[in-house]
Amino acid sequence: MNILIVEDEELSAERLSKLISSIDPSIHLLGIFPSVFQTISYLEDELSIRPDLIFLDIHLEDGDGFRIAERLDLSVPIIFTTAFDDYLLKAFKTNSIDYLLKPVNALELQASLIKFKRLASTETSQADDTTQTHSVEKYKDRFLCSAASRFFTFKIQEIAYFTIEERSTFLRLFDGRHFAVEYSLDRLMQIIDPGLFFRINRTLLISIHAIAGMQAISAGKLKVELSPSTSRDVYVSTERISEFKNWLGK
């Protein structure tokens, strides 16, 4: 994996480089650039090696780091590293996969790299599948969520299920965390892939990958075990059992 570090503070750049190397020695650093101008010059050069990931500070010696993405219309994933939390929302609209505050924490950095590799692997697999078909229906594949003053973005593959709790909709990740989302379950059923998610009852829309087990309680009652688990037992609505079984067998 090839990376660029765009950072105008020499000590911060060196520290970040060492942290990355200690987490994954196989990562190759293409260069450290302190300015918008130098970064754009490198990325516009057809002879330059293209990075797989960019670590980008926002305040650089000659201006705003967002100018790099705006000038080049970058498709390269970005992990922002900055001392300011004022640009969270703008960052997640700029092909960002994470936003790390300085001084960068080693564990948070490691989590960001794991997230990048997982997403890159998923996108490669999806691209291979897409080449086998002439047209692919487009569904929503990521969600922007907030907690306190921080924003996070999650790929659909990270979500175990959506649930209604106290009249609000939440998503729960496979790692157990949960966040509020501004969609009803009815709306979610329209915008996410029905091959991956099924609404088993009034309050739960689940990923097929979240099903840990199933048990027939009676002829008309089916219990589903989810991972991560919920605080209550989960049952498929009676009127949905037949459709649910068909969905599982697709």
Protein backbone atom coordinates (compact mmCIF):
# COMPACT_ATOMS: atom_id res chain seq x y z
CA MET A 1 0.00 0.00 0.00
CA ASN A 2 1.33 3.44 -0.99
CA ILE A 3 0.55 6.53 1.05
CA LEU A 4 1.19 10.27 1.05
CA ILE A 5 1.48 12.45 4.12
CA VAL A 6 0.50 16.08 3.59
CA GLU A 7 1.65 17.95 6.69
CA ASP A 8 3.55 21.21 7.19
CA GLU A 9 4.71 20.51 10.75
CA GLU A 10 7.90 18.48 10.44
CA LEU A 11 7.69 16.87 13.89
CA SER A 12 4.04 15.90 13.36
CA ALA A 13 4.86 14.41 9.97
CA GLU A 14 7.78 12.40 11.34
CA ARG A 15 5.73 11.14 14.28
CA LEU A 16 2.85 10.11 12.02
CA SER A 17 5.25 8.34 9.65
CA LYS A 18 6.81 6.37 12.52
CA LEU A 19 3.41 5.42 13.95
CA ILE A 20 2.23 4.14 10.58
CA SER A 21 5.43 2.14 10.08
CA SER A 22 5.16 0.60 13.55
CA ILE A 23 1.55 -0.46 12.87
CA ASP A 24 2.23 -1.86 9.40
CA PRO A 25 5.84 -1.98 8.14
CA SER A 26 4.64 -3.00 4.67
CA ILE A 27 3.11 0.43 4.07
CA HIS A 28 5.26 2.46 1.66
CA LEU A 29 5.54 6.22 2.18
CA LEU A 30 5.74 7.96 -1.20
CA GLY A 31 6.53 11.33 0.30
CA ILE A 32 5.78 14.07 2.81
CA PHE A 33 4.54 17.35 1.38
CA PRO A 34 4.11 20.54 3.45
CA SER A 35 2.00 22.54 1.00
CA VAL A 36 -1.04 22.51 -1.26
CA PHE A 37 1.13 23.46 -4.25
CA GLN A 38 3.65 20.63 -3.84
CA THR A 39 0.93 18.05 -3.29
CA ILE A 40 -1.03 19.10 -6.36
CA SER A 41 2.17 19.16 -8.44
CA TYR A 42 2.95 15.59 -7.39
CA LEU A 43 -0.56 14.26 -8.01
CA GLU A 44 -0.85 15.99 -11.40
CA ASP A 45 2.43 14.47 -12.60
CA GLU A 46 1.58 11.45 -14.75
CA LEU A 47 4.90 9.85 -13.83
CA SER A 48 4.17 9.94 -10.09
CA ILE A 49 3.16 6.77 -8.28
CA ARG A 50 -0.49 7.08 -7.31
CA PRO A 51 -1.17 6.79 -3.57
CA ASP A 52 -3.76 4.37 -2.23
CA LEU A 53 -4.38 6.60 0.78
CA ILE A 54 -3.60 10.20 1.76
CA PHE A 55 -3.08 11.53 5.29
CA LEU A 56 -4.05 15.18 5.01
CA ASP A 57 -3.68 18.08 7.41
CA ILE A 58 -6.17 20.89 6.85
CA HIS A 59 -4.05 23.95 7.67
CA LEU A 60 -0.96 23.88 5.46
CA GLU A 61 1.80 26.43 4.90
CA ASP A 62 0.18 27.84 1.76
CA GLY A 63 -3.51 27.39 2.46
CA ASP A 64 -6.42 25.05 3.03
CA GLY A 65 -5.85 21.32 2.48
CA PHE A 66 -9.37 20.96 1.09
CA ARG A 67 -8.11 22.81 -2.01
CA ILE A 68 -6.18 19.69 -3.00
CA ALA A 69 -9.30 17.56 -3.22
CA GLU A 70 -11.30 20.35 -4.87
CA ARG A 71 -8.63 21.06 -7.51
CA LEU A 72 -8.06 17.44 -8.49
CA ASP A 73 -11.50 15.96 -7.83
CA LEU A 74 -9.71 13.23 -5.88
CA SER A 75 -11.06 9.72 -5.67
CA VAL A 76 -8.21 8.64 -3.37
CA PRO A 77 -9.44 7.97 0.19
CA ILE A 78 -8.34 10.53 2.78
CA ILE A 79 -7.67 10.33 6.51
CA PHE A 80 -7.65 13.86 7.90
CA THR A 81 -5.14 14.63 10.67
CA THR A 82 -5.68 18.02 12.26
CA ALA A 83 -5.66 19.92 15.53
CA PHE A 84 -9.13 21.33 14.83
CA ASP A 85 -12.54 19.66 15.01
CA ASP A 86 -14.35 22.45 13.13
CA TYR A 87 -14.22 20.72 9.74
CA LEU A 88 -15.73 17.31 10.50
CA LEU A 89 -18.78 17.59 8.27
CA LYS A 90 -16.84 19.11 5.36
CA ALA A 91 -14.21 16.38 5.68
CA PHE A 92 -16.75 13.60 5.35
CA LYS A 93 -18.04 15.17 2.16
CA THR A 94 -14.50 14.99 0.72
CA ASN A 95 -13.94 11.27 0.24
CA SER A 96 -12.79 10.94 3.83
CA ILE A 97 -12.81 7.67 5.73
CA ASP A 98 -11.70 9.10 9.08
CA TYR A 99 -10.85 12.28 10.98
CA LEU A 100 -8.05 12.09 13.57
CA LEU A 101 -7.27 14.88 15.99
CA LYS A 102 -3.66 15.73 16.84
CA PRO A 103 -1.72 14.43 18.58
CA VAL A 104 -2.74 11.31 16.68
CA ASN A 105 -3.48 8.39 18.96
CA ALA A 106 -1.80 5.13 17.91
CA LEU A 107 -4.88 2.99 18.60
CA GLU A 108 -7.16 5.34 16.67
CA LEU A 109 -4.69 5.36 13.79
CA GLN A 110 -4.57 1.57 13.77
CA ALA A 111 -8.39 1.44 13.70
CA SER A 112 -8.41 3.87 10.76
CA LEU A 113 -5.97 1.73 8.78
CA ILE A 114 -7.97 -1.42 9.50
CA LYS A 115 -11.12 0.36 8.35
CA PHE A 116 -9.42 1.52 5.14
CA LYS A 117 -8.16 -1.98 4.31
CA ARG A 118 -11.57 -3.52 4.99
CA LEU A 119 -13.34 -0.98 2.80
CA ALA A 120 -10.75 -1.30 0.03
CA SER A 121 -11.16 -5.08 0.07
CA THR A 122 -14.96 -4.79 -0.11
CA GLU A 123 -14.86 -2.30 -2.98
CA THR A 124 -12.47 -4.53 -4.95
CA SER A 125 -14.82 -7.46 -4.53
CA GLN A 126 -17.82 -5.37 -5.57
CA ALA A 127 -15.95 -4.08 -8.63
CA ASP A 128 -15.21 -7.65 -9.71
CA ASP A 129 -18.88 -8.54 -9.36
CA THR A 130 -19.96 -5.47 -11.32
CA THR A 131 -17.89 -6.43 -14.37
CA GLN A 132 -20.02 -9.54 -14.72
CA THR A 133 -23.23 -7.59 -15.30
CA HIS A 134 -24.24 -4.83 -17.74
CA SER A 135 -26.15 -2.78 -15.20
CA VAL A 136 -26.20 -2.63 -11.41
CA GLU A 137 -28.94 -0.92 -9.45
CA LYS A 138 -27.49 1.76 -7.19
CA TYR A 139 -28.27 1.54 -3.49
CA LYS A 140 -27.03 3.67 -0.62
CA ASP A 141 -23.74 2.17 0.55
CA ARG A 142 -22.69 4.41 3.44
CA PHE A 143 -24.18 6.53 6.21
CA LEU A 144 -22.96 9.68 7.96
CA CYS A 145 -23.61 9.68 11.71
CA SER A 146 -22.70 11.98 14.57
CA ALA A 147 -21.93 11.61 18.26
CA ALA A 148 -21.46 14.74 20.35
CA SER A 149 -19.27 16.99 18.14
CA ARG A 150 -17.77 14.17 16.06
CA PHE A 151 -18.91 12.75 12.75
CA PHE A 152 -18.41 9.22 11.44
CA THR A 153 -19.10 7.49 8.15
CA PHE A 154 -19.90 3.79 7.90
CA LYS A 155 -20.14 1.47 4.93
CA ILE A 156 -23.28 -0.64 4.66
CA GLN A 157 -21.13 -3.76 5.19
CA GLU A 158 -20.28 -2.53 8.70
CA ILE A 159 -23.95 -2.38 9.76
CA ALA A 160 -25.58 -5.38 11.45
CA TYR A 161 -29.10 -3.97 11.66
CA PHE A 162 -31.31 -0.92 11.92
CA THR A 163 -33.74 -0.69 14.82
CA ILE A 164 -36.47 1.55 16.22
CA GLU A 165 -35.89 2.63 19.81
CA GLU A 166 -38.03 5.24 21.55
CA ARG A 167 -39.47 6.45 18.21
CA SER A 168 -36.01 7.03 16.72
CA THR A 169 -34.06 4.95 14.21
CA PHE A 170 -30.60 3.65 15.09
CA LEU A 171 -28.02 1.59 13.26
CA ARG A 172 -25.93 -0.95 15.13
CA LEU A 173 -22.51 -1.89 13.84
CA PHE A 174 -21.01 -5.34 13.98
CA ASP A 175 -18.54 -4.00 16.56
CA GLY A 176 -21.47 -3.19 18.88
CA ARG A 177 -21.59 0.59 18.57
CA HIS A 178 -24.86 2.27 17.67
CA PHE A 179 -25.74 5.66 16.18
CA ALA A 180 -28.92 7.52 15.34
CA VAL A 181 -29.83 7.90 11.65
CA GLU A 182 -32.28 10.30 10.05
CA TYR A 183 -34.27 7.68 8.16
CA SER A 184 -37.38 5.68 8.91
CA LEU A 185 -37.29 1.92 8.39
CA ASP A 186 -39.75 2.38 5.53
CA ARG A 187 -37.35 4.76 3.82
CA LEU A 188 -34.34 2.54 4.50
CA MET A 189 -36.10 -0.36 2.77
CA GLN A 190 -36.24 1.80 -0.38
CA ILE A 191 -32.58 2.90 -0.44
CA ILE A 192 -30.53 -0.12 0.69
CA ASP A 193 -29.96 -3.42 -1.08
CA PRO A 194 -32.86 -5.81 -0.33
CA GLY A 195 -30.54 -8.70 -1.06
CA LEU A 196 -28.54 -7.77 2.07
CA PHE A 197 -31.22 -6.49 4.44
CA PHE A 198 -34.68 -7.75 5.40
CA ARG A 199 -37.28 -6.18 7.67
CA ILE A 200 -38.24 -9.06 9.95
CA ASN A 201 -40.73 -7.10 12.07
CA ARG A 202 -42.00 -3.62 12.83
CA THR A 203 -38.78 -2.48 14.56
CA LEU A 204 -35.90 -4.41 12.96
CA LEU A 205 -34.25 -4.32 9.54
CA ILE A 206 -31.40 -6.84 9.64
CA SER A 207 -28.35 -7.76 7.59
CA ILE A 208 -28.14 -11.36 6.48
CA HIS A 209 -24.64 -11.40 7.98
CA ALA A 210 -26.01 -10.51 11.43
CA ILE A 211 -27.99 -13.75 11.73
CA ALA A 212 -26.23 -15.99 14.26
CA GLY A 213 -28.98 -18.60 14.52
CA MET A 214 -32.70 -19.36 14.12
CA GLN A 215 -35.19 -21.46 16.03
CA ALA A 216 -38.77 -22.45 15.18
CA ILE A 217 -40.75 -21.95 18.39
CA SER A 218 -43.99 -23.13 16.78
CA ALA A 219 -45.51 -23.41 13.32
CA GLY A 220 -46.08 -19.67 13.18
CA LYS A 221 -43.28 -18.33 15.35
CA LEU A 222 -39.62 -18.02 14.34
CA LYS A 223 -36.95 -16.73 16.72
CA VAL A 224 -33.78 -15.14 15.31
CA GLU A 225 -30.50 -14.77 17.15
CA LEU A 226 -28.53 -11.71 16.08
CA SER A 227 -24.87 -10.78 16.44
CA PRO A 228 -24.42 -8.38 18.08
CA SER A 229 -27.34 -9.41 20.27
CA THR A 230 -30.28 -7.22 21.21
CA SER A 231 -31.64 -6.58 24.70
CA ARG A 232 -34.83 -8.48 23.84
CA ASP A 233 -35.67 -11.71 22.06
CA VAL A 234 -36.16 -11.21 18.33
CA TYR A 235 -38.98 -12.81 16.35
CA VAL A 236 -39.98 -12.65 12.71
CA SER A 237 -43.49 -11.29 12.25
CA THR A 238 -45.88 -14.13 11.41
CA GLU A 239 -46.94 -12.55 8.13
CA ARG A 240 -43.27 -12.17 7.06
CA ILE A 241 -42.01 -15.69 7.83
CA SER A 242 -42.66 -17.13 4.36
CA GLU A 243 -41.04 -14.15 2.61
CA PHE A 244 -38.14 -14.27 5.09
CA LYS A 245 -37.45 -17.92 4.29
CA ASN A 246 -37.53 -17.17 0.57
CA TRP A 247 -35.08 -14.29 1.14
CA LEU A 248 -32.70 -16.57 3.05
CA GLY A 249 -32.75 -19.10 0.23
CA LYS A 250 -31.98 -16.68 -2.60
